[in-house]
Amino acid sequence: MALSDVKCRTIRPGSKLQKFSDGGGLQLWVQPSGGRLWRLAYRFGGRQKLLALGVYPAVSLADAREARAEAKRLLAAGIDPSQDKQERRRESSGGSFRAIAQEYVARLEKEGRADKTITKTKWLLDFAYPTLGDRSIRGIDAPAVLKALRQVEARGRFESARRLRSTIGSVFRYAITTARAQSDPTVTLRDALIRPKVTSRAAIIEPKPLGALLRAIDSFDGQPSTKAALQLMALLFPRPGELRAAEWAEFDLDRAVWTIPVARMKMRRPHRVPLSTQAIAILKQLREISGEGALLFPSVRTAARPISDNTLNAALRRLGYGKDEVTAHGFRATASSLLNECGKWHPDAIERQLAHVETNDVRRAYARGEHWEERVKMMQWWADYLDDLKGAPATKELIGDAAGHRSIGMDRRPVPWRAAPTR
């Protein structure tokens, strides 16, 4: 039986939700609280669906019937009324910045981005939500974005502000690809933010103090696994996060190779690390400590998580080295500096071992080789050299090894690398 306007007004609410039909799927839902809601029940694609048409009396009976008629026309044309409503709403408002940012983060998760990347992105976006979160993305311009960035700068977080600009830009570019924005306002803000002073991570790049550091590490009296981690940082010079979360399944000691999965690599590329005999010896000793679990360096609190970011740096402080003298990440600068200065190895082999990506697009397209054989020799040479430093007299400042390589004085001009003749 069709509804009338009088009946719509006079229906008394009950203890449960009541539904009154007007025919053709149109229903008036009367809630126990007294609210009256228009709903349209229909089928699309073989599924039962429900479309909200508004609240009575703001939407009159006549308006609800017209909405029903429009929905029927869409169905006849093979269009889902609910989907059409969502698209029209999205086109009119563009969607809120918060909603689209959350979609963007969800896409990163589906792409398999590293957990650390996802966490960092969410953390940065939290700075933007108070100012931009509830605004339609179509209505956000460069001054609005700059206001959000200035609030971060006001806290002294200059680098965070710059990273936030980049993240907001990624959200806008995602919105452009999904037809909810037309331009990226962050492009014009490239030079509008304070440039933070770049401070390189502290590292020892002179042979004599490096030898002293290595001897101090060998005498470390803390957790044996932490000592092993510091020794491996010096020998293999990976990024600290790559080593902290390393799993035994990644190591093939028989083939002397450590394969770091893409998920943990900063540049999202798989990376292999040749293992010197010294590194293998440390790993075999470490296996007696943590080999029954998945992780090389499990936390003391739970074997399911690796040691924290600060563990290695805290160990260096315990050895008496300040944060302005050496850091765990600084072992990469140490190896890069001394390997390049000795002149024995191709610069590309060193860069590949550091898992750096060539910034020049043209050069990157051609420089795809891994220099694997040279890197195997280089990593063994490096391990022998560190042994030499640890056992050398305090006045010795030579790079050499037990395999008969000639030594190069560190206070002299380095011998330039010369390409081997091609065959």
Protein backbone atom coordinates (compact mmCIF):
# COMPACT_ATOMS: atom_id res chain seq x y z
CA MET A 1 0.00 0.00 0.00
CA ALA A 2 1.38 3.39 -1.05
CA LEU A 3 2.32 5.90 1.61
CA SER A 4 0.74 9.30 2.08
CA ASP A 5 2.27 12.46 3.47
CA VAL A 6 -0.12 12.31 6.43
CA LYS A 7 0.92 8.78 7.28
CA CYS A 8 4.61 9.69 7.00
CA ARG A 9 4.06 12.46 9.55
CA THR A 10 1.87 10.55 11.99
CA ILE A 11 3.59 7.17 12.27
CA ARG A 12 4.55 6.63 15.89
CA PRO A 13 7.96 5.12 16.64
CA GLY A 14 8.02 1.71 18.29
CA SER A 15 10.53 -0.24 20.31
CA LYS A 16 12.10 -1.59 17.10
CA LEU A 17 12.91 -0.28 13.67
CA GLN A 18 9.75 -0.16 11.48
CA LYS A 19 9.77 -0.27 7.68
CA PHE A 20 6.86 1.06 5.57
CA SER A 21 6.80 0.42 1.82
CA ASP A 22 5.65 2.85 -0.86
CA GLY A 23 6.16 0.30 -3.63
CA GLY A 24 8.94 -0.12 -6.19
CA GLY A 25 11.50 -0.70 -3.42
CA LEU A 26 10.96 2.68 -1.75
CA GLN A 27 10.73 2.40 2.04
CA LEU A 28 10.35 4.74 4.99
CA TRP A 29 12.32 3.51 8.00
CA VAL A 30 11.01 4.78 11.35
CA GLN A 31 13.60 4.45 14.08
CA PRO A 32 12.80 3.98 17.79
CA SER A 33 14.26 7.44 18.36
CA GLY A 34 11.68 8.95 15.99
CA GLY A 35 13.94 9.54 13.01
CA ARG A 36 12.45 8.83 9.57
CA LEU A 37 14.80 7.70 6.79
CA TRP A 38 14.14 7.06 3.10
CA ARG A 39 15.68 3.89 1.69
CA LEU A 40 15.47 2.30 -1.75
CA ALA A 41 15.92 -1.46 -2.01
CA TYR A 42 16.97 -2.74 -5.43
CA ARG A 43 18.96 -5.48 -7.13
CA PHE A 44 22.05 -4.90 -9.27
CA GLY A 45 24.42 -7.49 -10.68
CA GLY A 46 22.45 -10.24 -8.99
CA ARG A 47 22.91 -8.70 -5.52
CA GLN A 48 20.45 -7.02 -3.19
CA LYS A 49 21.50 -3.45 -2.45
CA LEU A 50 20.21 -0.44 -0.51
CA LEU A 51 20.36 3.25 -1.40
CA ALA A 52 19.93 6.06 1.15
CA LEU A 53 17.72 8.85 -0.20
CA GLY A 54 17.65 11.25 2.75
CA VAL A 55 15.69 12.10 5.89
CA TYR A 56 11.97 12.87 6.07
CA PRO A 57 10.63 15.60 6.09
CA ALA A 58 13.74 17.33 4.65
CA VAL A 59 13.22 14.96 1.72
CA SER A 60 9.48 14.89 1.08
CA LEU A 61 7.47 11.91 -0.14
CA ALA A 62 7.34 13.50 -3.60
CA ASP A 63 11.13 14.00 -3.61
CA ALA A 64 11.69 10.39 -2.53
CA ARG A 65 9.45 9.14 -5.34
CA GLU A 66 11.37 11.25 -7.86
CA ALA A 67 14.65 9.81 -6.53
CA ARG A 68 13.16 6.33 -6.95
CA ALA A 69 12.24 7.11 -10.54
CA GLU A 70 15.77 8.40 -11.27
CA ALA A 71 17.26 5.25 -9.76
CA LYS A 72 15.01 3.12 -11.97
CA ARG A 73 16.23 5.03 -15.03
CA LEU A 74 19.84 4.36 -14.04
CA LEU A 75 19.14 0.68 -13.50
CA ALA A 76 17.52 0.46 -16.91
CA ALA A 77 20.72 1.92 -18.37
CA GLY A 78 22.86 -0.66 -16.52
CA ILE A 79 24.17 1.81 -13.94
CA ASP A 80 24.34 1.09 -10.22
CA PRO A 81 22.55 4.00 -8.42
CA SER A 82 24.77 3.67 -5.34
CA GLN A 83 27.94 3.84 -7.43
CA ASP A 84 26.55 6.77 -9.39
CA LYS A 85 25.81 8.61 -6.15
CA GLN A 86 29.35 8.05 -4.87
CA GLU A 87 30.90 9.26 -8.12
CA ARG A 88 28.75 12.39 -8.17
CA ARG A 89 29.64 13.12 -4.56
CA ARG A 90 33.34 12.61 -5.32
CA GLU A 91 33.16 14.86 -8.38
CA SER A 92 31.41 17.62 -6.45
CA SER A 93 33.65 17.60 -3.40
CA GLY A 94 36.85 15.98 -4.67
CA GLY A 95 36.99 13.99 -1.42
CA SER A 96 38.70 15.14 1.76
CA PHE A 97 42.47 15.28 1.96
CA ARG A 98 42.41 12.81 4.86
CA ALA A 99 40.33 10.25 2.95
CA ILE A 100 42.52 10.42 -0.15
CA ALA A 101 45.71 10.34 1.93
CA GLN A 102 44.48 7.18 3.62
CA GLU A 103 43.75 5.66 0.21
CA TYR A 104 47.29 6.57 -0.84
CA VAL A 105 48.76 4.86 2.22
CA ALA A 106 46.62 1.78 1.54
CA ARG A 107 48.02 1.66 -1.98
CA LEU A 108 51.58 1.78 -0.61
CA GLU A 109 50.71 -1.16 1.63
CA LYS A 110 49.32 -3.15 -1.32
CA GLU A 111 52.52 -2.42 -3.26
CA GLY A 112 54.47 -4.10 -0.48
CA ARG A 113 56.38 -1.04 0.65
CA ALA A 114 58.56 -1.47 3.72
CA ASP A 115 56.83 -1.16 7.09
CA LYS A 116 59.24 1.62 7.99
CA THR A 117 58.18 3.59 4.90
CA ILE A 118 54.48 3.15 5.70
CA THR A 119 55.00 4.20 9.32
CA LYS A 120 57.02 7.27 8.29
CA THR A 121 54.37 8.30 5.74
CA LYS A 122 51.57 8.03 8.31
CA TRP A 123 53.65 9.95 10.85
CA LEU A 124 54.23 12.80 8.39
CA LEU A 125 50.59 12.96 7.29
CA ASP A 126 49.52 13.33 10.93
CA PHE A 127 51.18 16.76 10.81
CA ALA A 128 48.97 17.77 7.88
CA TYR A 129 45.59 16.50 9.10
CA PRO A 130 44.82 19.28 11.66
CA THR A 131 45.01 21.90 8.88
CA LEU A 132 44.14 20.00 5.72
CA GLY A 133 42.48 16.76 6.81
CA ASP A 134 38.80 17.69 6.56
CA ARG A 135 39.12 20.02 3.58
CA SER A 136 38.09 18.99 0.08
CA ILE A 137 41.27 18.28 -1.84
CA ARG A 138 39.94 20.37 -4.74
CA GLY A 139 39.84 23.42 -2.50
CA ILE A 140 43.39 23.15 -1.15
CA ASP A 141 45.82 25.59 -2.74
CA ALA A 142 49.50 26.37 -2.21
CA PRO A 143 48.95 28.90 0.64
CA ALA A 144 46.89 26.31 2.55
CA VAL A 145 49.63 23.70 2.19
CA LEU A 146 52.28 26.25 3.16
CA LYS A 147 50.33 27.05 6.33
CA ALA A 148 50.49 23.40 7.36
CA LEU A 149 54.20 23.24 6.57
CA ARG A 150 54.96 26.44 8.50
CA GLN A 151 53.36 24.91 11.58
CA VAL A 152 55.88 22.06 11.38
CA GLU A 153 58.74 24.50 10.81
CA ALA A 154 57.66 26.47 13.87
CA ARG A 155 58.56 23.43 15.98
CA GLY A 156 62.08 23.46 14.58
CA ARG A 157 61.42 20.38 12.40
CA PHE A 158 62.83 21.77 9.18
CA GLU A 159 63.66 18.44 7.57
CA SER A 160 60.26 17.04 8.56
CA ALA A 161 58.59 20.02 6.89
CA ARG A 162 60.47 19.33 3.67
CA ARG A 163 59.58 15.65 3.75
CA LEU A 164 55.96 16.52 4.49
CA ARG A 165 55.83 18.74 1.40
CA SER A 166 57.00 15.78 -0.67
CA THR A 167 54.46 13.44 0.95
CA ILE A 168 51.58 15.87 0.45
CA GLY A 169 52.67 16.15 -3.18
CA SER A 170 52.46 12.37 -3.52
CA VAL A 171 48.90 12.44 -2.17
CA PHE A 172 47.93 15.13 -4.68
CA ARG A 173 49.50 13.23 -7.57
CA TYR A 174 47.53 10.17 -6.49
CA ALA A 175 44.37 12.31 -6.43
CA ILE A 176 45.16 13.56 -9.96
CA THR A 177 45.43 9.99 -11.28
CA THR A 178 42.04 9.19 -9.72
CA ALA A 179 40.40 12.33 -11.21
CA ARG A 180 39.87 14.07 -7.87
CA ALA A 181 42.40 16.86 -8.25
CA GLN A 182 43.71 18.84 -11.21
CA SER A 183 47.11 20.04 -9.99
CA ASP A 184 49.74 19.60 -7.29
CA PRO A 185 50.11 22.83 -5.25
CA THR A 186 53.32 21.63 -3.60
CA VAL A 187 55.30 22.18 -6.81
CA THR A 188 55.38 25.95 -6.26
CA LEU A 189 56.57 25.50 -2.66
CA ARG A 190 59.85 23.84 -3.55
CA ASP A 191 61.94 26.82 -2.43
CA ALA A 192 59.55 28.21 0.17
CA LEU A 193 60.81 26.19 3.13
CA ILE A 194 63.83 26.61 5.36
CA ARG A 195 66.69 24.42 4.22
CA PRO A 196 67.99 22.43 7.19
CA LYS A 197 71.70 22.31 7.77
CA VAL A 198 72.89 18.96 6.50
CA THR A 199 74.94 17.14 9.10
CA SER A 200 76.76 14.04 7.94
CA ARG A 201 76.69 11.05 10.25
CA ALA A 202 79.89 10.90 12.26
CA ALA A 203 82.45 8.45 10.94
CA ILE A 204 86.12 7.63 11.38
CA ILE A 205 87.96 7.78 8.06
CA GLU A 206 91.59 7.66 9.19
CA PRO A 207 93.37 4.29 9.52
CA LYS A 208 94.97 4.77 12.94
CA PRO A 209 91.80 5.78 14.86
CA LEU A 210 89.86 3.17 12.92
CA GLY A 211 92.21 0.50 14.21
CA ALA A 212 91.66 1.76 17.75
CA LEU A 213 87.89 1.56 17.27
CA LEU A 214 88.11 -1.99 15.95
CA ARG A 215 90.19 -3.06 18.94
CA ALA A 216 87.64 -1.44 21.26
CA ILE A 217 84.82 -3.34 19.56
CA ASP A 218 86.71 -6.63 19.95
CA SER A 219 87.00 -5.91 23.68
CA PHE A 220 83.29 -5.01 24.10
CA ASP A 221 81.97 -6.72 27.23
CA GLY A 222 78.23 -6.27 26.61
CA GLN A 223 75.85 -8.62 24.81
CA PRO A 224 77.87 -10.96 22.56
CA SER A 225 75.32 -10.50 19.77
CA THR A 226 75.75 -6.71 19.93
CA LYS A 227 79.52 -7.14 19.67
CA ALA A 228 79.02 -9.38 16.63
CA ALA A 229 76.71 -6.79 15.05
CA LEU A 230 79.36 -4.06 15.43
CA GLN A 231 82.03 -6.33 13.97
CA LEU A 232 79.81 -7.15 11.00
CA MET A 233 78.96 -3.47 10.50
CA ALA A 234 82.68 -2.78 10.09
CA LEU A 235 83.27 -5.78 7.81
CA LEU A 236 80.16 -5.54 5.61
CA PHE A 237 79.10 -1.87 6.03
CA PRO A 238 75.36 -2.34 5.27
CA ARG A 239 72.76 0.14 6.44
CA PRO A 240 72.15 -0.53 10.15
CA GLY A 241 68.50 -1.43 9.58
CA GLU A 242 69.47 -4.01 6.98
CA LEU A 243 71.72 -5.77 9.49
CA ARG A 244 69.51 -5.40 12.57
CA ALA A 245 66.59 -7.20 10.92
CA ALA A 246 68.73 -9.80 9.13
CA GLU A 247 67.41 -13.37 9.19
CA TRP A 248 69.39 -16.58 9.08
CA ALA A 249 67.51 -17.70 5.98
CA GLU A 250 69.20 -14.87 4.04
CA PHE A 251 72.71 -16.28 4.60
CA ASP A 252 74.40 -18.99 2.57
CA LEU A 253 77.66 -19.57 4.41
CA ASP A 254 78.74 -22.30 2.02
CA ARG A 255 78.55 -19.91 -0.93
CA ALA A 256 79.70 -16.97 1.25
CA VAL A 257 76.85 -14.65 0.34
CA TRP A 258 74.20 -12.67 2.20
CA THR A 259 71.12 -11.85 0.10
CA ILE A 260 69.13 -8.92 1.50
CA PRO A 261 65.48 -9.01 0.33
CA VAL A 262 63.92 -6.11 -1.55
CA ALA A 263 61.54 -5.30 1.30
CA ARG A 264 64.42 -4.18 3.54
CA MET A 265 66.44 -2.29 0.96
CA LYS A 266 66.18 1.48 0.91
CA MET A 267 66.30 1.63 -2.89
CA ARG A 268 63.84 -1.27 -3.27
CA ARG A 269 66.34 -3.42 -5.14
CA PRO A 270 67.65 -6.84 -4.10
CA HIS A 271 71.22 -6.75 -2.83
CA ARG A 272 73.90 -9.41 -2.37
CA VAL A 273 76.83 -9.03 0.00
CA PRO A 274 79.96 -11.17 -0.40
CA LEU A 275 81.05 -12.64 2.93
CA SER A 276 84.73 -12.63 3.84
CA THR A 277 86.22 -15.48 5.82
CA GLN A 278 86.25 -13.21 8.86
CA ALA A 279 82.56 -12.44 8.51
CA ILE A 280 81.73 -16.13 8.13
CA ALA A 281 83.68 -16.93 11.31
CA ILE A 282 81.67 -14.32 13.26
CA LEU A 283 78.39 -15.62 11.82
CA LYS A 284 79.21 -19.19 12.82
CA GLN A 285 79.89 -18.06 16.40
CA LEU A 286 76.71 -15.96 16.38
CA ARG A 287 74.68 -18.96 15.19
CA GLU A 288 75.46 -20.69 18.47
CA ILE A 289 73.74 -17.79 20.25
CA SER A 290 70.73 -16.98 18.05
CA GLY A 291 70.71 -19.68 15.40
CA GLU A 292 67.61 -21.40 16.73
CA GLY A 293 65.45 -18.38 15.91
CA ALA A 294 64.75 -16.55 12.66
CA LEU A 295 66.66 -13.36 13.51
CA LEU A 296 70.40 -12.91 13.88
CA PHE A 297 69.91 -10.16 16.44
CA PRO A 298 66.67 -10.71 18.38
CA SER A 299 65.62 -8.26 21.05
CA VAL A 300 66.29 -9.28 24.64
CA ARG A 301 62.57 -8.78 25.29
CA THR A 302 61.18 -10.93 22.50
CA ALA A 303 62.74 -13.11 19.82
CA ALA A 304 60.04 -11.97 17.39
CA ARG A 305 61.59 -8.50 16.99
CA PRO A 306 65.14 -7.41 16.22
CA ILE A 307 67.27 -5.16 18.38
CA SER A 308 66.25 -1.50 18.35
CA ASP A 309 67.61 1.31 16.20
CA ASN A 310 69.59 2.67 19.12
CA THR A 311 71.28 -0.57 20.25
CA LEU A 312 74.41 -0.24 18.12
CA ASN A 313 74.89 3.47 18.73
CA ALA A 314 74.40 2.92 22.47
CA ALA A 315 77.12 0.26 22.36
CA LEU A 316 79.49 2.71 20.68
CA ARG A 317 78.76 5.27 23.42
CA ARG A 318 79.49 2.59 26.00
CA LEU A 319 82.89 2.13 24.36
CA GLY A 320 83.55 5.81 24.97
CA TYR A 321 82.85 7.20 21.50
CA GLY A 322 80.60 10.27 21.31
CA LYS A 323 77.89 10.75 18.71
CA ASP A 324 80.08 13.36 17.05
CA GLU A 325 82.88 10.78 16.64
CA VAL A 326 81.25 7.66 15.24
CA THR A 327 77.82 6.18 14.51
CA ALA A 328 76.68 2.77 13.31
CA HIS A 329 75.75 4.26 9.94
CA GLY A 330 79.18 5.89 9.80
CA PHE A 331 80.84 2.55 8.99
CA ARG A 332 79.51 3.05 5.45
CA ALA A 333 81.35 6.35 5.11
CA THR A 334 84.46 4.74 6.58
CA ALA A 335 84.50 1.96 4.00
CA SER A 336 83.58 4.27 1.12
CA SER A 337 86.33 6.75 1.97
CA LEU A 338 89.15 4.24 2.48
CA LEU A 339 88.21 1.94 -0.40
CA ASN A 340 88.06 4.87 -2.80
CA GLU A 341 91.27 6.39 -1.47
CA CYS A 342 93.31 3.23 -1.81
CA GLY A 343 92.82 3.27 -5.58
CA LYS A 344 92.58 -0.50 -5.92
CA TRP A 345 88.92 -0.86 -6.77
CA HIS A 346 86.58 0.40 -9.46
CA PRO A 347 84.39 3.20 -8.03
CA ASP A 348 81.31 1.50 -9.48
CA ALA A 349 82.14 -1.69 -7.57
CA ILE A 350 82.34 0.31 -4.35
CA GLU A 351 79.06 2.10 -5.05
CA ARG A 352 77.37 -1.19 -5.93
CA GLN A 353 78.58 -2.72 -2.68
CA LEU A 354 77.13 0.25 -0.81
CA ALA A 355 73.82 -0.41 -2.65
CA HIS A 356 73.79 3.13 -4.00
CA VAL A 357 71.71 3.93 -7.07
CA GLU A 358 73.20 6.01 -9.85
CA THR A 359 71.50 9.43 -9.89
CA ASN A 360 72.21 10.09 -13.55
CA ASP A 361 69.34 8.54 -15.53
CA VAL A 362 71.39 7.90 -18.66
CA ARG A 363 74.32 6.40 -16.79
CA ARG A 364 71.96 4.27 -14.66
CA ALA A 365 70.44 2.82 -17.82
CA TYR A 366 73.83 1.44 -18.87
CA ALA A 367 75.59 0.78 -15.55
CA ARG A 368 73.61 -2.30 -14.59
CA GLY A 369 76.47 -4.68 -13.79
CA GLU A 370 77.00 -5.90 -10.26
CA HIS A 371 80.83 -6.13 -10.47
CA TRP A 372 80.35 -9.28 -8.43
CA GLU A 373 83.77 -10.91 -8.89
CA GLU A 374 85.56 -7.68 -8.07
CA ARG A 375 83.33 -7.12 -5.03
CA VAL A 376 84.13 -10.61 -3.72
CA LYS A 377 87.86 -9.83 -3.87
CA MET A 378 87.30 -6.34 -2.48
CA MET A 379 85.35 -7.52 0.57
CA GLN A 380 88.02 -10.09 1.47
CA TRP A 381 90.69 -7.45 0.97
CA TRP A 382 88.75 -5.07 3.20
CA ALA A 383 88.44 -7.67 5.98
CA ASP A 384 92.17 -8.44 5.78
CA TYR A 385 92.92 -4.73 5.87
CA LEU A 386 90.84 -4.27 9.03
CA ASP A 387 92.72 -7.14 10.64
CA ASP A 388 95.94 -5.42 9.66
CA LEU A 389 94.79 -2.18 11.27
CA LYS A 390 93.85 -3.92 14.51
CA GLY A 391 97.22 -5.58 14.80
CA ALA A 392 99.36 -2.80 13.34
CA PRO A 393 101.62 -0.58 15.46
CA ALA A 394 100.11 2.78 16.33
CA THR A 395 102.43 4.55 13.88
CA LYS A 396 101.58 2.36 10.89
CA GLU A 397 99.35 4.06 8.34
CA LEU A 398 99.36 1.62 5.47
CA ILE A 399 96.70 -0.17 3.51
CA GLY A 400 97.82 -3.71 2.70
CA ASP A 401 96.78 -7.29 3.01
CA ALA A 402 98.15 -10.76 3.48
CA ALA A 403 97.69 -11.65 -0.17
CA GLY A 404 100.67 -9.63 -1.33
CA HIS A 405 98.87 -6.48 -2.51
CA ARG A 406 101.15 -3.48 -2.47
CA SER A 407 100.60 -0.97 0.34
CA ILE A 408 99.63 2.61 -0.25
CA GLY A 409 100.53 5.27 2.27
CA MET A 410 97.43 7.11 3.45
CA ASP A 411 99.39 10.37 3.66
CA ARG A 412 100.34 10.14 -0.01
CA ARG A 413 98.40 10.76 -3.19
CA PRO A 414 96.12 7.80 -3.85
CA VAL A 415 96.92 5.66 -6.85
CA PRO A 416 94.10 6.28 -9.35
CA TRP A 417 92.02 3.31 -10.40
CA ARG A 418 92.93 2.01 -13.83
CA ALA A 419 90.56 -0.11 -15.86
CA ALA A 420 91.77 -3.60 -16.66
CA PRO A 421 92.38 -4.17 -20.36
CA THR A 422 89.32 -5.52 -22.12
CA ARG A 423 89.42 -8.89 -23.78
